[in-house]
């Protein structure tokens, strides 16, 4: 009788350990950053987000898919020249750097639990590096769906993608008010 193979769990276990370590580090950093006058149980200050390229010129907007598995544009494209700096949208810890579908990707886990991913990027950081908002992650690389003329910025809350543009001060959705 052939031996039954056990499922490969080593990669998942390592990934789980990395996520746990990052979460603990972020929790410790957030606790240390809170002023003592805030009191016990005070909510953490919200993270301030900025565009990963400057100036932030929207080339293509976020389009939420009607279903999680359906087509959509799960981020925004921001105009940027090849070789331009790409910076961290908020404080956090680099959780991934490497190629995905032939493009260089950098992902940052933020203290509020969101994850920002930018592509195509030639990374200047490695997984585990702490970064501050505006700190250089790398430079705009080749490839991607806008061929070196933009950076795609996606943001996830858990497994759900959210509109990164709405996280920028003054760049969120337009709300129409009634005429008086």
Protein backbone atom coordinates (compact mmCIF):
# COMPACT_ATOMS: atom_id res chain seq x y z
CA UNK A 1 0.00 0.00 0.00
CA UNK A 2 1.49 3.41 -0.96
CA UNK A 3 2.36 5.76 1.88
CA UNK A 4 0.03 8.67 2.35
CA UNK A 5 1.75 12.02 1.94
CA UNK A 6 1.31 14.64 4.59
CA UNK A 7 0.31 18.08 3.24
CA UNK A 8 3.11 20.60 2.86
CA UNK A 9 2.72 22.97 5.75
CA UNK A 10 6.22 24.29 6.24
CA UNK A 11 5.68 27.38 4.02
CA UNK A 12 2.35 28.17 5.68
CA UNK A 13 3.88 27.73 9.12
CA UNK A 14 6.74 30.09 8.23
CA UNK A 15 4.31 32.63 6.76
CA UNK A 16 2.13 32.37 9.87
CA UNK A 17 5.17 32.87 12.10
CA UNK A 18 6.22 35.95 10.08
CA UNK A 19 2.72 37.46 10.30
CA UNK A 20 2.65 36.78 14.07
CA UNK A 21 6.07 38.36 14.54
CA UNK A 22 5.08 41.42 12.49
CA UNK A 23 1.81 41.79 14.42
CA UNK A 24 3.63 41.59 17.76
CA UNK A 25 6.24 44.10 16.62
CA UNK A 26 3.56 46.51 15.39
CA UNK A 27 1.55 46.11 18.60
CA UNK A 28 4.66 46.88 20.65
CA UNK A 29 5.55 49.86 18.48
CA UNK A 30 2.01 51.22 18.68
CA UNK A 31 1.95 50.83 22.46
CA UNK A 32 5.34 52.52 22.80
CA UNK A 33 4.23 55.39 20.56
CA UNK A 34 1.18 56.19 22.70
CA UNK A 35 1.73 59.04 25.14
CA UNK A 36 1.29 58.03 28.79
CA UNK A 37 -1.35 60.76 29.23
CA UNK A 38 -3.62 58.94 26.76
CA UNK A 39 -4.75 56.60 29.50
CA UNK A 40 -5.38 52.89 29.59
CA UNK A 41 -7.44 51.53 26.74
CA UNK A 42 -7.12 54.66 24.57
CA UNK A 43 -7.51 53.81 20.87
CA UNK A 44 -4.36 54.12 18.76
CA UNK A 45 -3.98 57.23 16.67
CA UNK A 46 -5.09 56.64 13.07
CA UNK A 47 -2.32 56.20 10.54
CA UNK A 48 -1.77 59.10 8.18
CA UNK A 49 -1.55 57.91 4.58
CA UNK A 50 0.25 59.59 1.69
CA UNK A 51 0.60 58.63 -1.94
CA UNK A 52 3.57 56.36 -2.67
CA UNK A 53 4.74 58.71 -5.46
CA UNK A 54 4.95 62.49 -5.69
CA UNK A 55 3.09 64.32 -7.03
CA UNK A 56 0.06 62.02 -6.77
CA UNK A 57 -1.62 62.13 -10.18
CA UNK A 58 -4.40 59.58 -10.56
CA UNK A 59 -4.13 57.71 -13.87
CA UNK A 60 -6.71 55.01 -13.16
CA UNK A 61 -9.16 54.80 -10.27
CA UNK A 62 -10.10 51.89 -8.01
CA UNK A 63 -12.93 49.70 -9.32
CA UNK A 64 -14.29 47.30 -6.71
CA UNK A 65 -15.25 43.92 -8.15
CA UNK A 66 -18.94 42.98 -7.77
CA UNK A 67 -17.78 39.70 -6.16
CA UNK A 68 -14.40 38.93 -4.54
CA UNK A 69 -13.49 36.57 -7.40
CA UNK A 70 -14.72 38.85 -10.22
CA UNK A 71 -12.76 41.29 -12.38
CA UNK A 72 -12.01 44.77 -11.07
CA UNK A 73 -9.14 47.19 -10.55
CA UNK A 74 -8.07 46.49 -6.97
CA UNK A 75 -6.03 49.63 -6.47
CA UNK A 76 -5.14 52.91 -8.11
CA UNK A 77 -2.56 53.73 -10.76
CA UNK A 78 -0.50 56.85 -10.09
CA UNK A 79 1.59 58.46 -12.81
CA UNK A 80 5.31 58.02 -12.21
CA UNK A 81 8.40 57.86 -14.41
CA UNK A 82 10.67 54.84 -14.49
CA UNK A 83 13.34 55.26 -11.80
CA UNK A 84 11.28 57.68 -9.67
CA UNK A 85 11.21 57.09 -5.91
CA UNK A 86 8.39 55.00 -4.43
CA UNK A 87 7.78 55.68 -0.73
CA UNK A 88 5.87 54.00 2.06
CA UNK A 89 2.25 55.25 2.19
CA UNK A 90 2.26 55.03 6.02
CA UNK A 91 4.38 53.73 8.89
CA UNK A 92 4.76 49.97 9.06
CA UNK A 93 6.91 46.92 8.54
CA UNK A 94 7.87 45.58 5.13
CA UNK A 95 6.19 42.15 4.94
CA UNK A 96 7.12 41.17 1.38
CA UNK A 97 9.49 42.12 -1.42
CA UNK A 98 9.84 40.12 -4.59
CA UNK A 99 8.49 39.36 -8.02
CA UNK A 100 4.81 38.64 -8.59
CA UNK A 101 3.77 37.84 -12.16
CA UNK A 102 7.09 39.25 -13.38
CA UNK A 103 6.78 42.59 -11.54
CA UNK A 104 8.65 43.75 -8.46
CA UNK A 105 6.27 44.17 -5.51
CA UNK A 106 6.75 45.65 -2.04
CA UNK A 107 4.10 45.14 0.65
CA UNK A 108 3.99 47.07 3.94
CA UNK A 109 1.89 46.03 6.94
CA UNK A 110 0.62 49.15 8.74
CA UNK A 111 -0.24 49.49 12.46
CA UNK A 112 -3.96 49.84 11.63
CA UNK A 113 -3.89 46.34 10.08
CA UNK A 114 -4.04 47.47 6.47
CA UNK A 115 -1.48 46.24 3.93
CA UNK A 116 -0.24 48.44 1.10
CA UNK A 117 1.32 46.87 -1.98
CA UNK A 118 3.08 48.84 -4.70
CA UNK A 119 4.28 47.67 -8.12
CA UNK A 120 6.34 47.67 -10.30
CA UNK A 121 9.12 48.50 -7.86
CA UNK A 122 12.83 47.79 -7.72
CA UNK A 123 13.01 47.35 -3.93
CA UNK A 124 15.57 49.05 -1.71
CA UNK A 125 14.15 47.39 1.44
CA UNK A 126 13.73 43.80 2.59
CA UNK A 127 11.03 41.93 4.49
CA UNK A 128 11.18 42.77 8.18
CA UNK A 129 12.44 46.35 7.71
CA UNK A 130 10.49 48.97 9.69
CA UNK A 131 9.58 51.99 7.55
CA UNK A 132 8.12 55.41 8.26
CA UNK A 133 5.55 57.18 6.11
CA UNK A 134 7.37 58.77 3.18
CA UNK A 135 10.48 56.57 3.55
CA UNK A 136 11.87 55.23 0.28
CA UNK A 137 10.84 51.65 -0.54
CA UNK A 138 12.51 51.59 -3.94
CA UNK A 139 12.18 53.00 -7.43
CA UNK A 140 9.63 52.59 -10.20
CA UNK A 141 10.57 49.52 -12.21
CA UNK A 142 9.66 48.14 -15.60
CA UNK A 143 6.65 46.00 -16.36
CA UNK A 144 3.18 46.31 -14.99
CA UNK A 145 0.07 47.22 -16.86
CA UNK A 146 1.22 50.78 -17.52
CA UNK A 147 4.74 49.90 -18.73
CA UNK A 148 6.95 51.98 -16.44
CA UNK A 149 4.76 55.10 -16.48
CA UNK A 150 2.83 54.47 -13.27
CA UNK A 151 2.79 52.76 -9.90
CA UNK A 152 -0.12 50.52 -8.94
CA UNK A 153 -1.04 50.96 -5.23
CA UNK A 154 -3.38 48.43 -3.67
CA UNK A 155 -4.59 48.38 -0.05
CA UNK A 156 -6.16 45.43 1.73
CA UNK A 157 -8.11 45.23 4.97
CA UNK A 158 -7.99 41.53 5.73
CA UNK A 159 -8.80 39.87 2.40
CA UNK A 160 -10.85 42.83 1.09
CA UNK A 161 -9.34 45.48 -1.15
CA UNK A 162 -10.22 49.10 -0.35
CA UNK A 163 -9.80 52.28 -2.37
CA UNK A 164 -6.35 53.71 -1.52
CA UNK A 165 -7.33 57.13 -2.88
CA UNK A 166 -9.98 57.42 -0.14
CA UNK A 167 -7.22 57.14 2.51
CA UNK A 168 -5.52 60.34 1.35
CA UNK A 169 -6.46 63.56 3.12
CA UNK A 170 -8.64 65.62 0.80
CA UNK A 171 -8.66 62.98 -1.95
CA UNK A 172 -11.52 60.79 -0.74
CA UNK A 173 -14.92 60.36 -2.32
CA UNK A 174 -16.97 63.42 -3.24
CA UNK A 175 -20.08 63.81 -1.10
CA UNK A 176 -22.86 65.93 -2.52
CA UNK A 177 -24.91 67.94 -0.05
CA UNK A 178 -28.46 69.15 -0.57
CA UNK A 179 -28.96 72.66 -1.93
CA UNK A 180 -30.44 74.97 0.68
